[in-house]
Protein backbone atom coordinates (compact mmCIF):
# COMPACT_ATOMS: atom_id res chain seq x y z
CA MET A 1 0.00 0.00 0.00
CA ARG A 2 2.83 2.42 0.86
CA ALA A 3 4.56 1.61 -2.45
CA ALA A 4 1.38 2.20 -4.42
CA LEU A 5 0.77 5.49 -2.62
CA ALA A 6 4.33 6.62 -3.28
CA LEU A 7 3.98 5.92 -6.99
CA ARG A 8 0.61 7.68 -7.24
CA ARG A 9 2.15 10.74 -5.63
CA PHE A 10 5.10 10.52 -7.95
CA PHE A 11 2.83 10.71 -10.98
CA ALA A 12 0.49 13.32 -9.50
CA ALA A 13 0.11 16.66 -11.27
CA PRO A 14 2.97 19.07 -10.53
CA GLY A 15 0.69 21.48 -8.71
CA ARG A 16 -0.35 18.76 -6.24
CA SER A 17 2.78 16.64 -6.10
CA GLY A 18 4.89 18.74 -3.76
CA LEU A 19 7.87 18.03 -6.04
CA ARG A 20 8.83 21.61 -6.78
CA CYS A 21 12.54 22.27 -7.06
CA ALA A 22 14.07 23.38 -3.75
CA PRO A 23 16.13 26.61 -3.84
CA LEU A 24 19.82 26.14 -4.48
CA PHE A 25 21.54 27.78 -1.54
CA THR A 26 25.09 26.53 -2.12
CA PHE A 27 27.41 25.46 -4.88
CA ALA A 28 29.56 23.39 -2.58
CA LYS A 29 29.12 19.77 -1.61
CA ALA A 30 27.10 19.70 1.60
CA ALA A 31 26.90 16.85 4.09
CA PRO A 32 24.63 14.20 2.57
CA PRO A 33 21.33 13.46 4.25
CA PRO A 34 20.87 9.88 5.43
CA PRO A 35 19.34 7.77 2.64
CA PRO A 36 15.86 6.43 3.31
CA PRO A 37 15.38 2.67 3.67
CA PRO A 38 14.08 0.88 0.54
CA PRO A 39 10.28 0.94 0.49
CA PRO A 40 8.49 -2.37 1.04
CA VAL A 41 7.39 -4.39 -1.98
CA PRO A 42 3.59 -4.38 -2.39
CA ALA A 43 2.04 -7.54 -0.99
CA HIS A 44 -0.94 -7.56 -3.35
CA PRO A 45 -0.77 -9.44 -6.66
CA LYS A 46 0.43 -7.36 -9.56
CA PRO A 47 1.21 -7.81 -13.25
CA TYR A 48 4.66 -9.20 -13.96
CA TYR A 49 6.64 -6.24 -15.31
CA VAL A 50 9.62 -7.05 -17.56
CA THR A 51 11.74 -4.57 -19.50
CA THR A 52 14.35 -4.56 -22.23
CA PRO A 53 17.05 -1.93 -22.20
CA ILE A 54 15.89 0.97 -24.33
CA PHE A 55 18.08 0.97 -27.38
CA TYR A 56 20.41 3.79 -28.34
CA VAL A 57 19.55 5.19 -31.78
CA ASN A 58 23.03 6.06 -33.01
CA ALA A 59 22.91 3.00 -35.33
CA ASP A 60 20.44 0.49 -36.78
CA PRO A 61 19.45 -2.56 -34.70
CA HIS A 62 21.49 -5.79 -34.82
CA ILE A 63 20.85 -9.28 -33.47
CA GLY A 64 22.11 -8.29 -30.01
CA HIS A 65 19.12 -5.95 -29.75
CA PHE A 66 16.88 -8.68 -31.15
CA TYR A 67 18.14 -11.09 -28.48
CA SER A 68 17.28 -8.72 -25.64
CA LEU A 69 13.82 -8.15 -27.14
CA VAL A 70 13.04 -11.83 -27.60
CA LEU A 71 14.47 -12.82 -24.21
CA ALA A 72 12.24 -10.31 -22.43
CA ASP A 73 9.25 -11.27 -24.56
CA THR A 74 9.78 -14.96 -23.84
CA VAL A 75 9.82 -14.19 -20.11
CA ARG A 76 6.62 -12.15 -20.48
CA ARG A 77 4.85 -14.89 -22.47
CA TYR A 78 6.00 -17.56 -20.03
CA GLN A 79 4.49 -15.62 -17.13
CA GLN A 80 1.25 -15.29 -19.07
CA LEU A 81 1.29 -19.01 -19.83
CA ARG A 82 1.52 -19.62 -16.09
CA GLY A 83 -1.61 -17.52 -15.59
CA ARG A 84 -0.20 -14.12 -14.65
CA ASP A 85 -0.88 -10.76 -16.28
CA ALA A 86 2.31 -9.32 -17.68
CA LEU A 87 3.62 -6.07 -19.14
CA LEU A 88 6.70 -5.61 -21.32
CA ALA A 89 8.41 -2.25 -21.80
CA THR A 90 10.90 -1.44 -24.54
CA GLY A 91 11.81 1.63 -26.59
CA THR A 92 14.59 3.93 -27.71
CA ASP A 93 17.11 6.15 -25.93
CA GLU A 94 17.47 9.30 -28.04
CA HIS A 95 19.53 11.95 -26.27
CA GLY A 96 23.20 12.61 -25.68
CA MET A 97 26.43 13.59 -27.35
CA LYS A 98 26.64 10.50 -29.57
CA ILE A 99 23.29 11.31 -31.15
CA GLN A 100 24.26 14.93 -31.60
CA GLN A 101 27.47 13.91 -33.37
CA ALA A 102 25.90 11.08 -35.40
CA ALA A 103 23.22 13.45 -36.72
CA ARG A 104 25.85 15.99 -37.72
CA ASN A 105 27.78 13.29 -39.58
CA VAL A 106 24.77 12.45 -41.78
CA ASN A 107 23.56 16.03 -42.23
CA LYS A 108 20.37 15.57 -40.22
CA THR A 109 18.94 17.21 -37.17
CA PRO A 110 19.08 15.02 -34.04
CA LYS A 111 15.29 14.66 -34.09
CA GLU A 112 15.30 13.55 -37.73
CA LEU A 113 17.93 10.92 -36.99
CA CYS A 114 16.02 9.73 -33.91
CA ASP A 115 12.75 9.47 -35.83
CA ASP A 116 14.37 7.35 -38.54
CA VAL A 117 16.29 4.95 -36.31
CA SER A 118 13.61 4.68 -33.62
CA GLN A 119 11.19 3.53 -36.30
CA ARG A 120 13.65 0.78 -37.24
CA PHE A 121 13.62 -0.47 -33.66
CA ARG A 122 9.83 -0.32 -33.56
CA ASP A 123 9.74 -2.26 -36.84
CA LEU A 124 12.05 -4.87 -35.31
CA ALA A 125 9.87 -5.21 -32.21
CA THR A 126 6.85 -5.66 -34.48
CA ALA A 127 8.60 -8.20 -36.69
CA ALA A 128 9.79 -10.11 -33.61
CA GLY A 129 6.23 -10.47 -32.36
CA VAL A 130 6.95 -8.33 -29.30
CA LEU A 131 4.63 -5.34 -29.79
CA GLY A 132 1.05 -5.84 -28.66
CA GLU A 133 -1.56 -4.65 -26.21
CA ASP A 134 0.67 -5.68 -23.28
CA THR A 135 3.74 -3.84 -24.61
CA VAL A 136 4.78 -0.22 -24.12
CA PHE A 137 7.25 1.36 -26.55
CA THR A 138 8.79 4.50 -25.00
CA ARG A 139 10.86 7.12 -26.78
CA THR A 140 12.87 9.42 -24.55
CA THR A 141 11.86 12.31 -26.81
CA ASP A 142 8.18 11.72 -25.93
CA GLN A 143 6.67 14.59 -23.95
CA LEU A 144 5.32 12.21 -21.30
CA HIS A 145 8.83 10.91 -20.72
CA VAL A 146 10.25 14.42 -20.43
CA GLN A 147 7.62 15.18 -17.79
CA THR A 148 8.47 11.98 -15.89
CA VAL A 149 12.19 12.80 -15.92
CA HIS A 150 11.48 16.28 -14.59
CA LYS A 151 9.36 14.86 -11.78
CA LEU A 152 12.09 12.45 -10.78
CA TRP A 153 14.69 15.23 -10.91
CA ARG A 154 12.57 17.50 -8.71
CA ARG A 155 12.00 14.72 -6.22
CA LEU A 156 15.75 14.03 -6.00
CA MET A 157 16.45 17.74 -5.70
CA LYS A 158 13.85 18.26 -2.98
CA SER A 159 15.17 15.34 -0.95
CA GLY A 160 18.67 16.88 -1.00
CA HIS A 161 20.35 14.25 -3.16
CA ILE A 162 21.34 16.65 -5.96
CA TYR A 163 23.84 19.47 -5.60
CA LYS A 164 25.75 21.69 -8.00
CA GLY A 165 29.51 21.93 -8.14
CA SER A 166 32.65 21.67 -10.22
CA HIS A 167 33.45 18.34 -11.82
CA GLU A 168 36.54 17.12 -13.58
CA GLY A 169 37.57 13.73 -14.86
CA TRP A 170 38.14 11.41 -17.78
CA TYR A 171 35.06 11.50 -19.99
CA SER A 172 34.10 9.18 -22.86
CA VAL A 173 31.75 10.65 -25.45
CA SER A 174 31.03 7.17 -26.77
CA ASP A 175 30.08 5.77 -23.36
CA GLU A 176 28.45 9.01 -22.14
CA ALA A 177 30.27 8.45 -18.84
CA PHE A 178 33.07 9.72 -16.61
CA TYR A 179 35.78 7.31 -15.44
CA GLN A 180 38.11 7.27 -12.47
CA PRO A 181 41.89 7.46 -13.12
CA SER A 182 42.12 3.78 -12.13
CA GLN A 183 39.73 2.97 -14.98
CA VAL A 184 41.84 4.69 -17.63
CA ALA A 185 44.89 3.37 -19.51
CA THR A 186 47.31 4.88 -22.05
CA VAL A 187 47.59 3.13 -25.42
CA LYS A 188 48.86 3.90 -28.92
CA ASP A 189 46.35 5.20 -31.43
CA PRO A 190 46.47 2.59 -34.24
CA VAL A 191 46.28 5.32 -36.92
CA THR A 192 48.39 8.19 -35.56
CA GLN A 193 50.59 6.08 -33.23
CA LYS A 194 50.22 8.82 -30.64
CA ASP A 195 49.45 8.11 -26.98
CA ILE A 196 45.74 8.28 -26.17
CA GLN A 197 43.70 7.46 -23.07
CA ILE A 198 40.97 4.85 -23.12
CA SER A 199 38.52 3.34 -20.67
CA THR A 200 39.80 -0.04 -19.54
CA GLU A 201 36.18 -1.16 -19.14
CA THR A 202 34.95 -0.41 -22.67
CA GLY A 203 38.05 0.42 -24.72
CA GLN A 204 36.57 3.76 -25.77
CA ARG A 205 38.66 6.91 -25.95
CA VAL A 206 38.41 9.38 -23.06
CA GLU A 207 39.38 13.03 -22.64
CA TRP A 208 39.98 15.18 -19.57
CA ILE A 209 37.09 17.57 -18.92
CA VAL A 210 36.60 20.26 -16.27
CA GLU A 211 33.13 21.77 -15.99
CA GLU A 212 30.38 22.86 -13.64
CA ASN A 213 27.42 20.51 -13.42
CA TYR A 214 24.87 18.91 -11.13
CA LYS A 215 25.85 15.84 -9.16
CA PHE A 216 23.90 13.05 -7.50
CA ARG A 217 25.04 11.85 -4.05
CA LEU A 218 25.78 8.33 -5.21
CA SER A 219 28.36 7.95 -2.44
CA ALA A 220 25.57 8.13 0.14
CA PHE A 221 24.02 4.97 -1.31
CA ARG A 222 27.08 2.73 -1.41
CA GLU A 223 26.26 0.96 1.86
CA PRO A 224 22.49 0.70 1.23
CA LEU A 225 23.25 -0.82 -2.18
CA ARG A 226 25.71 -3.29 -0.67
CA ARG A 227 23.16 -4.35 1.95
CA TRP A 228 20.45 -4.70 -0.69
CA LEU A 229 22.61 -6.94 -2.86
CA THR A 230 24.10 -8.92 0.01
CA ASP A 231 20.70 -9.58 1.58
CA ASN A 232 19.23 -10.55 -1.81
CA PRO A 233 21.80 -12.76 -3.60
CA GLU A 234 19.44 -13.45 -6.53
CA ILE A 235 18.80 -9.78 -7.38
CA ILE A 236 21.38 -9.95 -10.17
CA VAL A 237 21.74 -13.03 -12.36
CA PRO A 238 23.95 -14.70 -13.30
CA GLN A 239 25.95 -14.86 -10.10
CA ALA A 240 29.13 -13.68 -11.79
CA ARG A 241 27.50 -10.31 -12.56
CA HIS A 242 26.23 -10.06 -8.98
CA ASN A 243 29.79 -10.55 -7.75
CA GLU A 244 31.10 -7.91 -10.17
CA VAL A 245 28.72 -5.28 -8.84
CA LEU A 246 29.52 -6.11 -5.21
CA ALA A 247 33.23 -5.86 -6.03
CA TYR A 248 32.65 -2.41 -7.52
CA LEU A 249 30.81 -1.36 -4.36
CA SER A 250 33.62 -2.64 -2.15
CA GLN A 251 35.60 0.51 -2.95
CA GLU A 252 34.70 4.17 -2.60
CA VAL A 253 31.97 5.24 -5.00
CA PRO A 254 32.21 8.86 -6.18
CA ASP A 255 29.18 11.07 -6.64
CA LEU A 256 27.71 10.96 -10.10
CA SER A 257 27.67 13.84 -12.58
CA ILE A 258 24.06 14.03 -13.80
CA SER A 259 24.08 17.07 -16.09
CA ARG A 260 26.08 18.50 -18.97
CA PRO A 261 26.47 22.18 -19.82
CA ARG A 262 24.32 23.24 -22.74
CA SER A 263 27.35 24.96 -24.22
CA ARG A 264 28.75 21.46 -24.90
CA LEU A 265 25.61 19.41 -25.32
CA THR A 266 22.38 20.82 -26.72
CA TRP A 267 20.52 17.57 -27.49
CA GLY A 268 18.99 16.51 -24.19
CA ILE A 269 16.25 17.18 -21.66
CA PRO A 270 16.82 20.57 -19.96
CA VAL A 271 17.40 20.61 -16.22
CA PRO A 272 14.26 21.99 -14.55
CA ASP A 273 14.65 25.69 -13.77
CA ASP A 274 18.16 25.81 -15.31
CA GLU A 275 18.27 26.08 -19.09
CA GLU A 276 22.08 26.18 -19.04
CA HIS A 277 22.25 22.44 -18.33
CA VAL A 278 20.81 19.26 -19.84
CA ILE A 279 20.19 16.06 -17.93
CA TYR A 280 22.72 13.22 -18.06
CA VAL A 281 21.59 10.71 -20.65
CA TRP A 282 21.59 7.71 -18.28
CA LEU A 283 19.37 9.41 -15.69
CA ASP A 284 17.10 10.29 -18.59
CA ALA A 285 17.18 6.80 -20.14
CA LEU A 286 16.67 4.78 -16.97
CA THR A 287 13.58 6.77 -16.07
CA ASN A 288 11.83 5.21 -19.07
CA TYR A 289 10.91 2.27 -16.83
CA LEU A 290 8.72 4.66 -14.83
CA THR A 291 7.37 6.32 -17.96
CA ALA A 292 6.30 2.96 -19.37
CA THR A 293 4.17 2.07 -16.39
CA ARG A 294 2.46 5.45 -16.62
CA THR A 295 1.50 4.89 -20.24
CA TRP A 296 0.09 1.40 -19.77
CA GLU A 297 -3.65 1.76 -20.04
CA ARG A 298 -4.79 -1.65 -18.80
CA ALA A 299 -3.64 -1.15 -15.20
CA SER A 300 -2.69 1.69 -12.93
CA GLU A 301 0.96 2.58 -12.57
CA ALA A 302 0.85 1.63 -8.90
CA LYS A 303 -0.33 -1.83 -9.88
CA ALA A 304 2.45 -2.39 -12.41
CA TRP A 305 5.40 -1.16 -10.36
CA PRO A 306 7.99 -2.28 -9.29
CA THR A 307 9.88 -3.96 -12.12
CA ASP A 308 10.00 -7.72 -11.75
CA LEU A 309 12.82 -8.19 -14.25
CA HIS A 310 15.18 -5.85 -16.09
CA VAL A 311 16.72 -7.64 -19.09
CA VAL A 312 20.00 -5.92 -19.98
CA GLY A 313 23.29 -6.68 -21.67
CA LYS A 314 26.23 -7.36 -19.38
CA ASP A 315 27.97 -4.17 -20.56
CA ILE A 316 25.35 -1.92 -18.89
CA ILE A 317 24.95 -3.79 -15.60
CA ARG A 318 26.55 -0.97 -13.59
CA PHE A 319 23.94 1.56 -14.72
CA HIS A 320 21.07 -0.76 -13.81
CA ALA A 321 22.44 -2.32 -10.63
CA ILE A 322 24.05 0.79 -9.07
CA TYR A 323 22.82 4.06 -10.57
CA TRP A 324 19.18 3.06 -11.12
CA PRO A 325 18.47 1.52 -7.69
CA ALA A 326 20.27 4.46 -6.08
CA PHE A 327 17.97 6.90 -7.90
CA LEU A 328 14.96 4.87 -6.76
CA MET A 329 16.18 4.72 -3.16
CA ALA A 330 16.62 8.49 -3.19
CA ALA A 331 13.13 8.93 -4.65
CA ASN A 332 11.66 6.52 -2.08
CA LEU A 333 10.31 4.22 -4.81
CA PRO A 334 10.35 0.38 -4.74
CA LEU A 335 13.43 -1.28 -6.21
CA PRO A 336 13.54 -3.80 -9.08
CA ARG A 337 13.10 -7.39 -8.00
CA GLN A 338 15.66 -8.88 -10.38
CA ILE A 339 18.17 -7.87 -13.06
CA LEU A 340 19.15 -10.35 -15.76
CA ALA A 341 22.45 -9.32 -17.36
CA HIS A 342 22.88 -11.57 -20.38
CA ALA A 343 26.04 -12.19 -22.39
CA HIS A 344 26.64 -10.96 -25.94
CA TRP A 345 26.44 -12.40 -29.42
CA THR A 346 29.72 -12.50 -31.31
CA MET A 347 30.71 -13.45 -34.85
CA ASP A 348 33.92 -15.35 -35.49
CA LYS A 349 34.55 -15.02 -31.74
CA GLN A 350 34.72 -11.22 -32.06
CA LYS A 351 32.27 -8.63 -30.79
CA MET A 352 29.95 -7.53 -33.57
CA SER A 353 30.94 -4.19 -35.09
CA LYS A 354 29.98 -2.39 -38.28
CA SER A 355 33.59 -1.32 -38.74
CA ARG A 356 34.61 -5.00 -38.78
CA GLY A 357 31.77 -5.91 -41.11
CA ASN A 358 30.59 -8.71 -38.81
CA VAL A 359 27.10 -7.49 -37.89
CA ALA A 360 24.14 -9.81 -38.54
CA ASP A 361 21.03 -7.98 -39.75
CA PRO A 362 17.99 -9.34 -37.86
CA PHE A 363 15.57 -8.28 -40.61
CA GLU A 364 17.43 -10.44 -43.13
CA LEU A 365 17.33 -13.41 -40.75
CA LEU A 366 13.58 -13.02 -40.22
CA ASP A 367 12.98 -12.93 -43.97
CA ARG A 368 15.13 -16.01 -44.52
CA TYR A 369 14.04 -18.29 -41.68
CA GLY A 370 10.81 -16.85 -40.27
CA VAL A 371 10.35 -15.11 -36.95
CA ASP A 372 9.71 -18.18 -34.80
CA ALA A 373 12.70 -20.11 -36.08
CA VAL A 374 14.99 -17.17 -35.32
CA ARG A 375 13.40 -16.74 -31.88
CA TYR A 376 13.97 -20.43 -31.21
CA PHE A 377 17.62 -20.22 -32.25
CA MET A 378 18.19 -17.17 -30.07
CA MET A 379 16.64 -18.78 -27.00
CA ARG A 380 18.25 -22.17 -27.67
CA ASP A 381 21.80 -20.90 -28.20
CA GLY A 382 21.88 -17.41 -26.64
CA GLY A 383 24.26 -17.02 -23.72
CA ILE A 384 23.41 -15.79 -20.24
CA ILE A 385 26.82 -16.35 -18.64
CA ASN A 386 29.09 -16.75 -21.68
CA ASP A 387 29.01 -15.07 -25.09
CA SER A 388 27.50 -17.01 -28.00
CA ASP A 389 28.99 -17.09 -31.48
CA TYR A 390 26.57 -16.53 -34.34
CA SER A 391 26.85 -18.20 -37.73
CA GLU A 392 24.46 -19.00 -40.58
CA GLU A 393 25.47 -22.64 -40.25
CA SER A 394 24.31 -22.72 -36.61
CA ILE A 395 20.82 -21.40 -37.27
CA ARG A 396 20.34 -23.66 -40.30
CA LYS A 397 21.42 -26.65 -38.21
CA ARG A 398 18.86 -25.89 -35.49
CA TYR A 399 16.15 -25.35 -38.09
CA LYS A 400 16.84 -28.53 -40.07
CA LYS A 401 17.54 -30.86 -37.13
CA GLU A 402 15.23 -29.77 -34.31
CA LEU A 403 12.42 -27.76 -35.91
CA SER A 404 11.92 -29.33 -39.32
CA GLY A 405 13.60 -32.70 -38.76
CA GLN A 406 12.17 -33.46 -35.31
CA LEU A 407 9.07 -31.42 -34.39
CA GLY A 408 7.75 -30.81 -37.92
CA ASN A 409 8.61 -34.33 -39.02
CA LEU A 410 6.83 -36.00 -36.09
CA LEU A 411 3.72 -33.90 -36.63
CA SER A 412 3.69 -34.67 -40.34
CA ARG A 413 4.19 -38.41 -39.89
CA ALA A 414 1.68 -38.81 -37.06
CA THR A 415 -1.08 -36.92 -38.88
CA SER A 416 -0.63 -38.49 -42.31
CA ALA A 417 -3.88 -39.53 -43.96
CA SER A 418 -2.68 -43.12 -44.31
CA LEU A 419 -2.33 -43.48 -40.53
CA LEU A 420 -5.09 -41.16 -39.33
CA PRO A 421 -7.69 -41.38 -42.10
CA ASN A 422 -10.60 -40.06 -40.03
CA GLY A 423 -8.57 -37.14 -38.66
CA ILE A 424 -9.67 -37.72 -35.05
CA PHE A 425 -7.21 -37.48 -32.16
CA PRO A 426 -6.74 -41.06 -30.77
CA ARG A 427 -8.10 -41.92 -27.33
CA PRO A 428 -5.75 -42.51 -24.38
CA PRO A 429 -4.70 -46.18 -24.22
CA GLU A 430 -5.79 -48.52 -21.48
CA ALA A 431 -3.08 -49.47 -18.98
CA GLY A 432 -3.23 -53.14 -19.91
CA HIS A 433 -2.37 -52.43 -23.53
CA LEU A 434 0.89 -50.54 -22.95
CA GLU A 435 4.25 -51.90 -24.02
CA ALA A 436 7.78 -51.22 -22.77
CA SER A 437 8.50 -48.55 -25.41
CA ASP A 438 5.26 -46.78 -24.44
CA HIS A 439 6.34 -46.60 -20.80
CA GLU A 440 9.68 -44.98 -21.68
CA LEU A 441 8.05 -42.22 -23.71
CA ARG A 442 5.21 -41.80 -21.20
CA GLU A 443 7.71 -41.30 -18.39
CA SER A 444 9.46 -38.59 -20.42
CA LEU A 445 6.22 -36.80 -21.26
CA SER A 446 4.74 -37.10 -17.77
CA SER A 447 7.65 -35.19 -16.25
CA LEU A 448 8.46 -32.84 -19.15
CA ALA A 449 6.68 -29.73 -17.83
CA ILE A 450 8.08 -30.44 -14.36
CA ARG A 451 11.60 -30.58 -15.78
CA VAL A 452 11.24 -27.57 -18.09
CA GLY A 453 9.50 -25.26 -15.61
CA PRO A 454 12.43 -24.67 -13.22
CA HIS A 455 14.71 -23.80 -16.16
CA PHE A 456 12.20 -21.30 -17.53
CA ASP A 457 11.69 -19.89 -14.01
CA ARG A 458 15.44 -19.18 -13.88
CA HIS A 459 15.41 -17.75 -17.44
CA GLU A 460 17.53 -20.72 -18.60
CA PHE A 461 15.56 -21.11 -21.81
CA GLY A 462 18.32 -22.93 -23.66
CA ARG A 463 18.31 -25.72 -21.08
CA GLY A 464 14.53 -25.91 -21.01
CA LEU A 465 14.38 -26.11 -24.80
CA ALA A 466 16.99 -28.87 -24.74
CA GLN A 467 14.65 -30.92 -22.52
CA ILE A 468 11.77 -30.41 -24.97
CA SER A 469 14.00 -31.25 -27.94
CA ASP A 470 15.17 -34.48 -26.27
CA ALA A 471 11.54 -35.54 -25.64
CA ILE A 472 10.64 -34.91 -29.30
CA ALA A 473 13.70 -36.85 -30.46
CA LEU A 474 12.69 -39.77 -28.22
CA ALA A 475 9.19 -39.70 -29.70
CA ASN A 476 10.60 -39.78 -33.25
CA LYS A 477 12.68 -42.81 -32.37
CA TYR A 478 9.63 -44.40 -30.76
CA PHE A 479 7.61 -43.76 -33.92
CA THR A 480 10.26 -45.26 -36.19
CA ASP A 481 10.93 -48.29 -33.96
CA ASN A 482 7.22 -49.16 -33.77
CA ALA A 483 6.67 -48.81 -37.55
CA PRO A 484 3.00 -47.76 -37.48
CA TRP A 485 2.82 -47.82 -41.29
CA VAL A 486 3.17 -51.62 -41.10
CA LEU A 487 0.34 -51.86 -38.56
CA ALA A 488 -1.88 -49.66 -40.74
CA ARG A 489 -1.80 -52.33 -43.48
CA GLU A 490 -3.23 -54.96 -41.12
CA THR A 491 -6.75 -53.66 -41.54
CA GLU A 492 -8.47 -56.79 -40.22
CA SER A 493 -6.46 -57.08 -36.98
CA VAL A 494 -8.02 -55.57 -33.86
CA THR A 495 -4.71 -55.92 -32.03
CA ALA A 496 -2.80 -54.11 -34.79
CA HIS A 497 -5.40 -51.32 -34.85
CA ARG A 498 -5.21 -50.89 -31.08
CA ARG A 499 -1.40 -50.78 -31.24
CA LEU A 500 -1.53 -48.25 -34.07
CA GLN A 501 -3.83 -46.01 -32.04
CA ASN A 502 -1.46 -46.22 -29.05
CA ILE A 503 1.51 -45.17 -31.18
CA LEU A 504 -0.36 -42.29 -32.76
CA PHE A 505 -1.71 -41.15 -29.40
CA HIS A 506 1.73 -40.98 -27.78
CA SER A 507 3.26 -39.30 -30.83
CA LEU A 508 0.53 -36.66 -31.03
CA GLU A 509 0.61 -36.16 -27.26
CA THR A 510 4.33 -35.41 -27.62
CA VAL A 511 3.57 -32.78 -30.25
CA ARG A 512 0.70 -31.32 -28.21
CA ILE A 513 2.66 -31.09 -24.96
CA ALA A 514 5.73 -29.69 -26.72
CA GLY A 515 3.52 -27.18 -28.52
CA ILE A 516 2.11 -25.90 -25.23
CA LEU A 517 5.54 -25.56 -23.61
CA LEU A 518 7.06 -23.90 -26.68
CA GLN A 519 4.45 -21.11 -26.84
CA PRO A 520 6.60 -18.44 -25.11
CA VAL A 521 9.40 -19.02 -27.63
CA MET A 522 7.48 -19.69 -30.86
CA PRO A 523 4.01 -18.14 -30.50
CA LYS A 524 3.03 -18.22 -34.17
CA LYS A 525 4.21 -21.73 -35.02
CA THR A 526 2.76 -23.24 -31.85
CA ASP A 527 -0.58 -21.59 -32.57
CA MET A 528 -0.52 -23.22 -36.00
CA LEU A 529 0.51 -26.56 -34.47
CA LEU A 530 -2.08 -26.59 -31.67
CA SER A 531 -4.84 -25.36 -33.94
CA GLY A 532 -3.95 -28.13 -36.38
CA LEU A 533 -4.37 -30.66 -33.57
CA GLY A 534 -7.76 -29.21 -32.69
CA VAL A 535 -6.59 -27.92 -29.30
CA ASP A 536 -8.93 -25.18 -28.08
CA SER A 537 -7.38 -21.89 -26.92
CA VAL A 538 -8.54 -22.54 -23.33
CA GLU A 539 -6.62 -25.84 -23.31
CA ARG A 540 -3.20 -24.30 -23.96
CA ARG A 541 -2.20 -23.35 -20.42
CA TRP A 542 0.95 -24.62 -18.73
CA GLN A 543 -1.13 -26.96 -16.56
CA ASP A 544 -2.58 -28.52 -19.73
CA ALA A 545 0.85 -29.90 -20.70
CA LEU A 546 0.01 -33.22 -19.04
CA LEU A 547 0.06 -36.69 -20.55
CA ASP A 548 -3.45 -38.16 -20.88
CA GLY A 549 -4.78 -34.69 -20.15
CA ASP A 550 -8.21 -35.67 -21.44
CA VAL A 551 -10.09 -34.98 -18.22
CA GLN A 552 -13.16 -33.75 -20.11
CA GLY A 553 -13.11 -36.43 -22.81
CA LYS A 554 -12.33 -33.81 -25.46
CA LEU A 555 -9.58 -35.69 -27.27
CA ALA A 556 -12.03 -37.93 -29.08
CA THR A 557 -13.76 -34.87 -30.53
CA ARG A 558 -10.63 -33.07 -31.75
CA GLN A 559 -10.39 -32.81 -35.49
CA VAL A 560 -6.78 -33.05 -36.64
CA HIS A 561 -5.77 -31.19 -39.80
CA THR A 562 -3.19 -32.96 -41.93
CA ASN A 563 -2.41 -30.54 -44.75
CA SER A 564 -0.11 -27.93 -43.13
CA VAL A 565 3.69 -27.90 -43.25
CA LEU A 566 4.98 -26.46 -40.00
CA PHE A 567 8.58 -25.84 -41.09
CA PRO A 568 9.11 -25.73 -44.88
CA LYS A 569 12.40 -26.87 -46.33
CA LEU A 570 15.06 -24.19 -46.45
CA PRO A 571 16.43 -23.01 -49.78
CA MET A 572 20.04 -23.79 -50.53
CA PRO A 573 22.43 -21.29 -48.85
């Protein structure tokens, strides 16, 4: 209740919010006020709220962006499959020096560049099957977002966590961040052979800057952040990222510069009541998670907040696990419940880069293989702990072996007109008519959802999909070993007919159960599959993925369609 009330007040109209900017009475760093304790998490049920990072629009999207999108969408769909309302937030980050420079390089205004590239990201989210009524797409140039950023700034200012002073340090335009001297190294410029300074964390060039700006008292939140992470060891996954953040917090944490002088940066949200400064791009960008809950029309913002899962790349974990929770602590808003910092996609074991020419275009992949096949590949082979290497050969192998060769092949064989001439789903077999090969497959299917669920709960989709793939492979072997096409020719034998029905039942049950469990990953193909099996939309819940799940006697009335090809053959590469 307190969390909901805090969020309602946060989004109240400025005249009633009490969030007016406090007068600035000093330009020196004053003693920090004690940080408030993190607010309690609401006890009432709420929609599961999952976010992608909002994507920076200085370049077109690549498969790393697609991976974050699909990973978050798979989490959202899995939660919905388990019976929970869910909201996904994504969008584009459109301010900062990199955008200002990129626009200048292509002879466009920053807004023109942002409009063009943001639309590409929206197109990708649409093509990936991510955009829908339970998705919010936020642009940081939206007026609602600007208003939300101003409200957060005023709240931080009023609570005494922002002050104005002189700042100097090593600054990276590319990273939009300052670095400590210990985070900077001297190297030779490969072109000029002159000494330059780079960030040891990102490899980007830095320059020494001295300027006046606003600062956030990040140092005051070092201990609260450490306690939060120590008391909640599963806040950041995988564990290696959790340990990295704790290691960073084990040393002194300097206050954070959160504005830039307008004389140097014009493309950004102005600081409230101070037109000479614009707001630091990461404070601006992170606030989108608040903006998204405000724009969701199906539930109140208090009902949606806090975030259940932030899906981010491992390279931006510090912003989400240190800066963002510190801002929320200072604003007295509930903290995120979990942060998933996934690994990257590489090509030829190197980080993807346009300059290297090793960037995979997600739109081309979707055109070539179809959205669900690419989603499956990403979730099957994408790395959470370790980077994954992309190749055309890898995606074709998954498609041909597991999707077309196993799932599609089993469906096609088990629904062929020669074996299932009346097109009716076979009845469950009687216990006395089961053979040893039936028991092996039945044991696999009976426990499949139980084995897959914990992996999906931990966002280990590759491991969960491996379990499903193994069950389908076992069913294909079962089908081949039992040779139902031979039994189908023994038209006068009651025993042969009963055995044929048992084989078809277990094969189609494999496809049905797999189809239900695969819905978060391949929503379009599984809809085609389950509809082809005559499975009603209300029978596609996680709890319906049970063997012999014919509690209402509906299987005998299901009409199976036999004329659809789930995964067409791929053209030659």
